[in-house]
Amino acid sequence: MNPKIVVSAIIVIAFVIFGSYSFMDSNLEYTDIAGALKSHKKVQLKGEWNKDKASGFSQEKAQFTFYLRDEKGEECKVILEGAAPNNFELATSVVAKGRFTDEGYFHATEVLTKCPSKYEAKSEEVNKSS
């Protein structure tokens, strides 16, 4: 068999495997805390920041810690590698990408925030125009 064909086939197979792995890693399912605890894989945990519990950045560990409450009212501790995302204090909802650890906290590799839109009308303005 021609060595060029063999090398080309190996390269194509390697790219297909790498592409599949990259797609599977980026295709994370949304779940709540109970689902994340059961899955033991990387997921997207959606909820809101519980401002009543302690949160902060540890310079020694370079980690940001906060508590997330999901839509069912369950809470968990989230530890993000790195600093808090921009506008975290203004967030109306939070999505943490990561997985639960054996220590019982959610280890996030990325946290996305949804802030109130400056284009949304305030409820008072909507009521006045009705």
C-alpha atoms as a PDB file:
ATOM      1  CA  MET A   1       0.000   0.000   0.000  1.00  0.00           C
ATOM      2  CA  ASN A   2       1.158   3.522  -0.769  1.00  0.00           C
ATOM      3  CA  PRO A   3       2.754   5.179   2.312  1.00  0.00           C
ATOM      4  CA  LYS A   4       1.175   8.566   1.411  1.00  0.00           C
ATOM      5  CA  ILE A   5      -2.307   7.035   1.627  1.00  0.00           C
ATOM      6  CA  VAL A   6      -1.549   5.407   4.988  1.00  0.00           C
ATOM      7  CA  VAL A   7      -0.177   8.642   6.457  1.00  0.00           C
ATOM      8  CA  SER A   8      -3.121  10.630   5.059  1.00  0.00           C
ATOM      9  CA  ALA A   9      -5.609   8.135   6.508  1.00  0.00           C
ATOM     10  CA  ILE A  10      -3.944   8.322   9.938  1.00  0.00           C
ATOM     11  CA  ILE A  11      -4.069  12.132   9.856  1.00  0.00           C
ATOM     12  CA  VAL A  12      -7.757  12.155   8.875  1.00  0.00           C
ATOM     13  CA  ILE A  13      -8.614   9.655  11.623  1.00  0.00           C
ATOM     14  CA  ALA A  14      -6.690  11.730  14.185  1.00  0.00           C
ATOM     15  CA  PHE A  15      -8.590  14.889  13.184  1.00  0.00           C
ATOM     16  CA  VAL A  16     -11.942  13.080  13.383  1.00  0.00           C
ATOM     17  CA  ILE A  17     -11.131  11.784  16.874  1.00  0.00           C
ATOM     18  CA  PHE A  18      -9.887  15.198  18.036  1.00  0.00           C
ATOM     19  CA  GLY A  19     -12.952  16.956  16.557  1.00  0.00           C
ATOM     20  CA  SER A  20     -15.340  14.498  18.198  1.00  0.00           C
ATOM     21  CA  TYR A  21     -13.632  14.900  21.564  1.00  0.00           C
ATOM     22  CA  SER A  22     -13.718  18.706  21.287  1.00  0.00           C
ATOM     23  CA  PHE A  23     -17.404  18.668  20.348  1.00  0.00           C
ATOM     24  CA  MET A  24     -18.320  16.368  23.248  1.00  0.00           C
ATOM     25  CA  ASP A  25     -16.357  18.518  25.690  1.00  0.00           C
ATOM     26  CA  SER A  26     -18.064  21.724  24.556  1.00  0.00           C
ATOM     27  CA  ASN A  27     -21.545  20.170  24.407  1.00  0.00           C
ATOM     28  CA  LEU A  28     -22.446  20.363  28.106  1.00  0.00           C
ATOM     29  CA  GLU A  29     -25.948  19.724  29.387  1.00  0.00           C
ATOM     30  CA  TYR A  30     -27.779  22.140  31.674  1.00  0.00           C
ATOM     31  CA  THR A  31     -28.844  20.622  34.964  1.00  0.00           C
ATOM     32  CA  ASP A  32     -29.762  21.392  38.553  1.00  0.00           C
ATOM     33  CA  ILE A  33     -27.708  20.515  41.629  1.00  0.00           C
ATOM     34  CA  ALA A  34     -29.272  17.070  42.061  1.00  0.00           C
ATOM     35  CA  GLY A  35     -28.570  16.198  38.424  1.00  0.00           C
ATOM     36  CA  ALA A  36     -24.994  17.452  38.664  1.00  0.00           C
ATOM     37  CA  LEU A  37     -24.385  15.317  41.753  1.00  0.00           C
ATOM     38  CA  LYS A  38     -25.643  12.207  39.944  1.00  0.00           C
ATOM     39  CA  SER A  39     -23.860  12.736  36.627  1.00  0.00           C
ATOM     40  CA  HIS A  40     -20.198  12.795  37.804  1.00  0.00           C
ATOM     41  CA  LYS A  41     -19.311  14.575  34.562  1.00  0.00           C
ATOM     42  CA  LYS A  42     -18.825  18.180  33.474  1.00  0.00           C
ATOM     43  CA  VAL A  43     -22.155  20.036  33.294  1.00  0.00           C
ATOM     44  CA  GLN A  44     -23.603  23.543  33.241  1.00  0.00           C
ATOM     45  CA  LEU A  45     -25.239  24.394  36.544  1.00  0.00           C
ATOM     46  CA  LYS A  46     -27.784  27.216  36.277  1.00  0.00           C
ATOM     47  CA  GLY A  47     -29.021  29.260  39.216  1.00  0.00           C
ATOM     48  CA  GLU A  48     -28.576  32.486  41.109  1.00  0.00           C
ATOM     49  CA  TRP A  49     -25.912  33.771  43.461  1.00  0.00           C
ATOM     50  CA  ASN A  50     -26.971  33.537  47.109  1.00  0.00           C
ATOM     51  CA  LYS A  51     -25.824  36.934  48.366  1.00  0.00           C
ATOM     52  CA  ASP A  52     -26.715  36.023  51.966  1.00  0.00           C
ATOM     53  CA  LYS A  53     -23.792  33.593  52.212  1.00  0.00           C
ATOM     54  CA  ALA A  54     -20.103  34.448  52.227  1.00  0.00           C
ATOM     55  CA  SER A  55     -18.290  34.852  48.936  1.00  0.00           C
ATOM     56  CA  GLY A  56     -14.881  36.131  47.999  1.00  0.00           C
ATOM     57  CA  PHE A  57     -11.554  35.755  46.261  1.00  0.00           C
ATOM     58  CA  SER A  58      -8.611  33.922  47.844  1.00  0.00           C
ATOM     59  CA  GLN A  59      -5.326  35.328  46.571  1.00  0.00           C
ATOM     60  CA  GLU A  60      -3.304  32.406  47.975  1.00  0.00           C
ATOM     61  CA  LYS A  61      -5.323  29.849  45.995  1.00  0.00           C
ATOM     62  CA  ALA A  62      -6.379  32.200  43.144  1.00  0.00           C
ATOM     63  CA  GLN A  63      -9.980  31.029  43.573  1.00  0.00           C
ATOM     64  CA  PHE A  64     -13.338  32.776  43.806  1.00  0.00           C
ATOM     65  CA  THR A  65     -15.909  31.128  46.086  1.00  0.00           C
ATOM     66  CA  PHE A  66     -19.674  31.731  46.189  1.00  0.00           C
ATOM     67  CA  TYR A  67     -22.929  29.877  46.837  1.00  0.00           C
ATOM     68  CA  LEU A  68     -25.333  29.067  44.022  1.00  0.00           C
ATOM     69  CA  ARG A  69     -29.072  28.379  44.461  1.00  0.00           C
ATOM     70  CA  ASP A  70     -30.763  26.446  41.651  1.00  0.00           C
ATOM     71  CA  GLU A  71     -34.372  26.775  40.447  1.00  0.00           C
ATOM     72  CA  LYS A  72     -35.513  24.105  42.931  1.00  0.00           C
ATOM     73  CA  GLY A  73     -34.051  26.028  45.871  1.00  0.00           C
ATOM     74  CA  GLU A  74     -31.095  23.703  46.516  1.00  0.00           C
ATOM     75  CA  GLU A  75     -27.741  25.324  47.273  1.00  0.00           C
ATOM     76  CA  CYS A  76     -24.135  24.378  46.771  1.00  0.00           C
ATOM     77  CA  LYS A  77     -20.721  25.904  47.244  1.00  0.00           C
ATOM     78  CA  VAL A  78     -19.004  26.840  43.962  1.00  0.00           C
ATOM     79  CA  ILE A  79     -15.254  27.337  43.680  1.00  0.00           C
ATOM     80  CA  LEU A  80     -14.057  28.980  40.474  1.00  0.00           C
ATOM     81  CA  GLU A  81     -10.432  28.843  39.386  1.00  0.00           C
ATOM     82  CA  GLY A  82      -9.565  32.517  38.981  1.00  0.00           C
ATOM     83  CA  ALA A  83     -11.256  35.808  39.763  1.00  0.00           C
ATOM     84  CA  ALA A  84     -14.962  36.591  39.764  1.00  0.00           C
ATOM     85  CA  PRO A  85     -16.447  37.276  36.322  1.00  0.00           C
ATOM     86  CA  ASN A  86     -17.071  40.852  35.237  1.00  0.00           C
ATOM     87  CA  ASN A  87     -20.296  42.340  36.619  1.00  0.00           C
ATOM     88  CA  PHE A  88     -20.801  39.373  38.954  1.00  0.00           C
ATOM     89  CA  GLU A  89     -22.389  41.660  41.559  1.00  0.00           C
ATOM     90  CA  LEU A  90     -25.057  42.735  39.025  1.00  0.00           C
ATOM     91  CA  ALA A  91     -25.910  39.224  37.809  1.00  0.00           C
ATOM     92  CA  THR A  92     -29.545  38.133  37.771  1.00  0.00           C
ATOM     93  CA  SER A  93     -28.551  34.541  36.993  1.00  0.00           C
ATOM     94  CA  VAL A  94     -25.340  32.517  36.916  1.00  0.00           C
ATOM     95  CA  VAL A  95     -24.203  29.498  34.882  1.00  0.00           C
ATOM     96  CA  ALA A  96     -21.243  27.563  36.298  1.00  0.00           C
ATOM     97  CA  LYS A  97     -19.473  25.034  34.070  1.00  0.00           C
ATOM     98  CA  GLY A  98     -17.731  22.239  35.928  1.00  0.00           C
ATOM     99  CA  ARG A  99     -18.361  19.182  38.109  1.00  0.00           C
ATOM    100  CA  PHE A 100     -18.850  18.188  41.722  1.00  0.00           C
ATOM    101  CA  THR A 101     -15.769  17.049  43.607  1.00  0.00           C
ATOM    102  CA  ASP A 102     -15.412  14.309  46.197  1.00  0.00           C
ATOM    103  CA  GLU A 103     -15.110  17.093  48.803  1.00  0.00           C
ATOM    104  CA  GLY A 104     -18.736  18.097  48.103  1.00  0.00           C
ATOM    105  CA  TYR A 105     -18.370  21.428  46.304  1.00  0.00           C
ATOM    106  CA  PHE A 106     -18.894  22.333  42.634  1.00  0.00           C
ATOM    107  CA  HIS A 107     -15.519  22.997  40.973  1.00  0.00           C
ATOM    108  CA  ALA A 108     -16.153  25.497  38.161  1.00  0.00           C
ATOM    109  CA  THR A 109     -13.792  26.107  35.295  1.00  0.00           C
ATOM    110  CA  GLU A 110     -15.946  28.937  33.938  1.00  0.00           C
ATOM    111  CA  VAL A 111     -18.801  31.086  35.253  1.00  0.00           C
ATOM    112  CA  LEU A 112     -21.118  33.054  32.979  1.00  0.00           C
ATOM    113  CA  THR A 113     -23.380  35.818  34.255  1.00  0.00           C
ATOM    114  CA  LYS A 114     -26.607  37.290  32.954  1.00  0.00           C
ATOM    115  CA  CYS A 115     -27.044  40.909  33.903  1.00  0.00           C
ATOM    116  CA  PRO A 116     -30.183  43.012  33.546  1.00  0.00           C
ATOM    117  CA  SER A 117     -30.378  44.569  30.111  1.00  0.00           C
ATOM    118  CA  LYS A 118     -30.205  48.326  29.848  1.00  0.00           C
ATOM    119  CA  TYR A 119     -32.725  48.014  27.018  1.00  0.00           C
ATOM    120  CA  GLU A 120     -35.446  46.363  29.113  1.00  0.00           C
ATOM    121  CA  ALA A 121     -38.086  48.746  30.371  1.00  0.00           C
ATOM    122  CA  LYS A 122     -38.571  48.991  34.103  1.00  0.00           C
ATOM    123  CA  SER A 123     -41.917  47.743  35.399  1.00  0.00           C
ATOM    124  CA  GLU A 124     -42.981  51.302  36.387  1.00  0.00           C
ATOM    125  CA  GLU A 125     -42.363  52.536  32.830  1.00  0.00           C
ATOM    126  CA  VAL A 126     -44.418  49.690  31.365  1.00  0.00           C
ATOM    127  CA  ASN A 127     -47.327  50.384  33.723  1.00  0.00           C
ATOM    128  CA  LYS A 128     -47.313  54.117  32.898  1.00  0.00           C
ATOM    129  CA  SER A 129     -47.476  53.507  29.167  1.00  0.00           C
ATOM    130  CA  SER A 130     -50.419  51.084  29.441  1.00  0.00           C
END
